[in-house]
């Protein structure tokens, strides 16, 4: 099945070189979880602060069990400080 992964801010550096902007469409196995999809990108866990599936927050303790569906959009932001 196909999902879109969007990595924001400094996390976009973890996308393969041929990706456009901050997103990539990838093929994943049926019943792939958020954890399964993000693992190959090598993101440090401390930098996966905000994770959304189709705009809905997925808490850290649910990422290993949250299965994705065909066409889902998985978006990840690092911790961001502002003022």
Protein backbone atom coordinates (compact mmCIF):
# COMPACT_ATOMS: atom_id res chain seq x y z
CA UNK A 1 0.00 0.00 0.00
CA UNK A 2 1.07 3.58 -0.52
CA UNK A 3 1.46 6.28 2.14
CA UNK A 4 2.88 9.79 2.16
CA UNK A 5 5.54 10.70 4.70
CA UNK A 6 6.12 14.38 5.47
CA UNK A 7 9.09 15.38 7.60
CA UNK A 8 9.20 19.00 8.73
CA UNK A 9 11.95 21.43 9.70
CA UNK A 10 15.34 19.74 10.23
CA UNK A 11 13.79 16.26 9.87
CA UNK A 12 13.51 16.78 6.10
CA UNK A 13 17.27 16.10 5.99
CA UNK A 14 16.45 12.44 6.69
CA UNK A 15 14.49 12.03 3.45
CA UNK A 16 16.21 10.42 0.45
CA UNK A 17 17.92 12.87 -1.90
CA UNK A 18 15.36 12.45 -4.68
CA UNK A 19 12.39 13.51 -2.57
CA UNK A 20 10.51 16.71 -3.35
CA UNK A 21 10.46 19.33 -0.62
CA UNK A 22 9.61 17.66 2.67
CA UNK A 23 7.52 14.71 1.46
CA UNK A 24 7.87 11.32 -0.12
CA UNK A 25 5.32 8.74 -1.27
CA UNK A 26 6.40 5.22 -0.36
CA UNK A 27 5.14 1.65 -0.59
CA UNK A 28 4.75 -0.09 2.74
CA UNK A 29 3.48 -3.48 3.84
CA UNK A 30 -0.17 -3.98 4.73
CA UNK A 31 -0.71 -3.40 8.45
CA UNK A 32 2.49 -1.29 8.68
CA UNK A 33 2.55 0.80 11.84
CA UNK A 34 3.75 4.36 12.33
CA UNK A 35 6.90 2.92 13.92
CA UNK A 36 7.46 0.53 10.98
CA UNK A 37 7.22 3.34 8.44
CA UNK A 38 9.48 5.77 10.28
CA UNK A 39 12.18 3.29 11.30
CA UNK A 40 13.97 3.12 7.89
CA UNK A 41 14.45 6.90 7.90
CA UNK A 42 16.70 6.64 10.97
CA UNK A 43 14.99 9.45 12.85
CA UNK A 44 16.28 9.87 16.40
CA UNK A 45 13.31 9.17 18.71
CA UNK A 46 13.93 12.37 20.65
CA UNK A 47 13.32 14.32 17.43
CA UNK A 48 9.96 12.73 16.59
CA UNK A 49 8.07 15.07 18.87
CA UNK A 50 4.79 15.61 17.03
CA UNK A 51 3.45 12.74 14.90
CA UNK A 52 0.16 13.01 13.01
CA UNK A 53 -1.72 10.54 10.82
CA UNK A 54 -4.15 12.38 8.58
CA UNK A 55 -3.96 15.36 10.93
CA UNK A 56 -4.65 13.36 14.11
CA UNK A 57 -2.00 13.26 16.85
CA UNK A 58 -0.48 9.85 17.63
CA UNK A 59 1.04 9.75 21.14
CA UNK A 60 4.48 8.12 21.49
CA UNK A 61 3.11 5.08 23.31
CA UNK A 62 0.68 4.33 20.45
CA UNK A 63 3.08 4.61 17.48
CA UNK A 64 4.18 0.97 17.54
CA UNK A 65 0.57 -0.23 17.39
CA UNK A 66 -1.09 2.38 15.13
CA UNK A 67 -1.59 0.75 11.72
CA UNK A 68 -1.70 2.87 8.61
CA UNK A 69 -4.12 2.54 5.70
CA UNK A 70 -3.56 3.02 1.99
CA UNK A 71 -3.40 6.74 1.19
CA UNK A 72 -2.64 7.89 4.74
CA UNK A 73 -0.42 10.90 5.34
CA UNK A 74 2.12 10.55 8.13
CA UNK A 75 3.59 13.88 9.26
CA UNK A 76 6.38 14.38 11.79
CA UNK A 77 7.76 17.53 13.44
CA UNK A 78 10.76 17.86 15.74
CA UNK A 79 10.55 19.84 18.99
CA UNK A 80 10.47 23.51 18.07
CA UNK A 81 11.15 26.42 20.38
CA UNK A 82 9.97 29.89 19.67
CA UNK A 83 9.48 33.17 21.28
